[in-house]
Amino acid sequence: MSLTVSNQRKSPRCNNSKRAIIVACRPKANYKVWAEFHDGICGEVDLNHLVGKGVFEAWRDVAFFNKVFIDPITRTLCWDDDVEIDPYVLRRSIISVH
């Protein structure tokens, strides 16, 4: 999956961590989402290219997209029981900007 990322920051203390624990998120305009990981890595990821494809059909409703939350068990971004984004893919996308 290819994602577009901007506004990323890295924490100098844990840059090499391979864990992907999302601790904060918020929806942004134009189907972007901002996510922060436990080690301080954070950034905005553009998910626009997924809108309308497969389970992401539900995102055509912007109000639904804006209901993004962090699953308390899996620590991944979710929109309901059927729509989620792999936190490892998001983390790699944010890190790969550099």
Protein backbone atom coordinates (compact mmCIF):
# COMPACT_ATOMS: atom_id res chain seq x y z
CA MET A 1 0.00 0.00 0.00
CA SER A 2 1.40 3.40 -0.94
CA LEU A 3 0.56 6.31 1.34
CA THR A 4 1.38 10.00 1.11
CA VAL A 5 2.81 11.48 4.30
CA SER A 6 3.69 14.95 5.54
CA ASN A 7 4.53 16.81 8.76
CA GLN A 8 6.49 14.00 10.31
CA ARG A 9 8.73 14.20 13.34
CA LYS A 10 11.02 11.62 14.88
CA SER A 11 11.87 11.17 18.52
CA PRO A 12 15.66 10.95 18.88
CA ARG A 13 15.44 8.42 21.68
CA CYS A 14 13.54 5.60 19.96
CA ASN A 15 14.00 5.95 16.21
CA ASN A 16 14.97 2.32 15.70
CA SER A 17 11.96 0.82 17.43
CA LYS A 18 10.01 -1.50 15.13
CA ARG A 19 6.91 -1.53 17.31
CA ALA A 20 3.86 0.24 15.99
CA ILE A 21 1.71 1.32 18.92
CA ILE A 22 -0.56 4.22 18.00
CA VAL A 23 -1.23 6.50 20.97
CA ALA A 24 -3.09 9.39 19.30
CA CYS A 25 -4.90 10.15 16.06
CA ARG A 26 -7.16 12.73 14.52
CA PRO A 27 -8.87 13.06 11.16
CA LYS A 28 -7.75 15.84 8.84
CA ALA A 29 -9.27 17.38 5.70
CA ASN A 30 -9.25 15.55 2.36
CA TYR A 31 -9.08 12.03 3.81
CA LYS A 32 -5.87 12.53 5.72
CA VAL A 33 -5.27 11.28 9.22
CA TRP A 34 -2.63 12.34 11.72
CA ALA A 35 -1.20 9.59 13.92
CA GLU A 36 1.34 9.51 16.73
CA PHE A 37 3.20 6.40 17.86
CA HIS A 38 4.44 5.51 21.33
CA ASP A 39 8.02 6.48 20.47
CA GLY A 40 7.14 10.01 19.34
CA ILE A 41 7.08 9.38 15.60
CA CYS A 42 4.07 11.16 14.16
CA GLY A 43 2.80 12.42 10.88
CA GLU A 44 -0.09 13.03 8.55
CA VAL A 45 -0.96 10.25 6.11
CA ASP A 46 -3.02 10.80 2.96
CA LEU A 47 -5.56 8.00 2.54
CA ASN A 48 -7.48 9.64 -0.31
CA HIS A 49 -6.41 6.99 -2.84
CA LEU A 50 -8.31 4.32 -0.84
CA VAL A 51 -11.69 6.08 -0.75
CA GLY A 52 -14.37 4.01 -2.47
CA LYS A 53 -12.25 0.84 -2.82
CA GLY A 54 -13.46 -2.33 -1.11
CA VAL A 55 -14.12 -1.81 2.60
CA PHE A 56 -13.07 1.82 2.15
CA GLU A 57 -16.32 2.50 0.26
CA ALA A 58 -17.69 3.68 3.61
CA TRP A 59 -15.24 6.61 3.55
CA ARG A 60 -17.27 8.29 0.79
CA ASP A 61 -19.23 9.58 3.80
CA VAL A 62 -16.80 12.14 5.27
CA ALA A 63 -18.64 12.05 8.60
CA PHE A 64 -17.85 8.32 8.80
CA PHE A 65 -14.17 8.91 7.95
CA ASN A 66 -13.98 11.56 10.68
CA LYS A 67 -14.99 8.96 13.30
CA VAL A 68 -11.52 7.37 13.25
CA PHE A 69 -10.45 5.91 16.60
CA ILE A 70 -7.71 3.72 18.05
CA ASP A 71 -8.74 0.18 18.84
CA PRO A 72 -7.79 -0.31 22.51
CA ILE A 73 -6.61 -3.88 21.94
CA THR A 74 -4.90 -3.86 18.55
CA ARG A 75 -3.76 -0.20 18.71
CA THR A 76 -4.64 0.27 15.04
CA LEU A 77 -6.74 2.99 13.42
CA CYS A 78 -10.36 1.86 13.03
CA TRP A 79 -13.60 3.21 11.73
CA ASP A 80 -15.84 0.28 12.69
CA ASP A 81 -15.51 -3.49 12.87
CA ASP A 82 -14.74 -3.75 9.14
CA VAL A 83 -12.43 -0.82 8.37
CA GLU A 84 -8.93 -0.50 9.79
CA ILE A 85 -5.42 0.47 8.70
CA ASP A 86 -2.34 -1.55 9.63
CA PRO A 87 -0.26 0.51 12.10
CA TYR A 88 2.99 -0.92 10.71
CA VAL A 89 2.12 0.37 7.23
CA LEU A 90 1.33 3.81 8.65
CA ARG A 91 4.54 3.91 10.70
CA ARG A 92 6.71 2.85 7.76
CA SER A 93 5.06 5.47 5.58
CA ILE A 94 5.80 8.22 8.09
CA ILE A 95 9.41 7.11 8.58
CA SER A 96 10.08 6.71 4.85
CA VAL A 97 9.63 10.43 4.24
CA HIS A 98 13.27 10.88 5.28
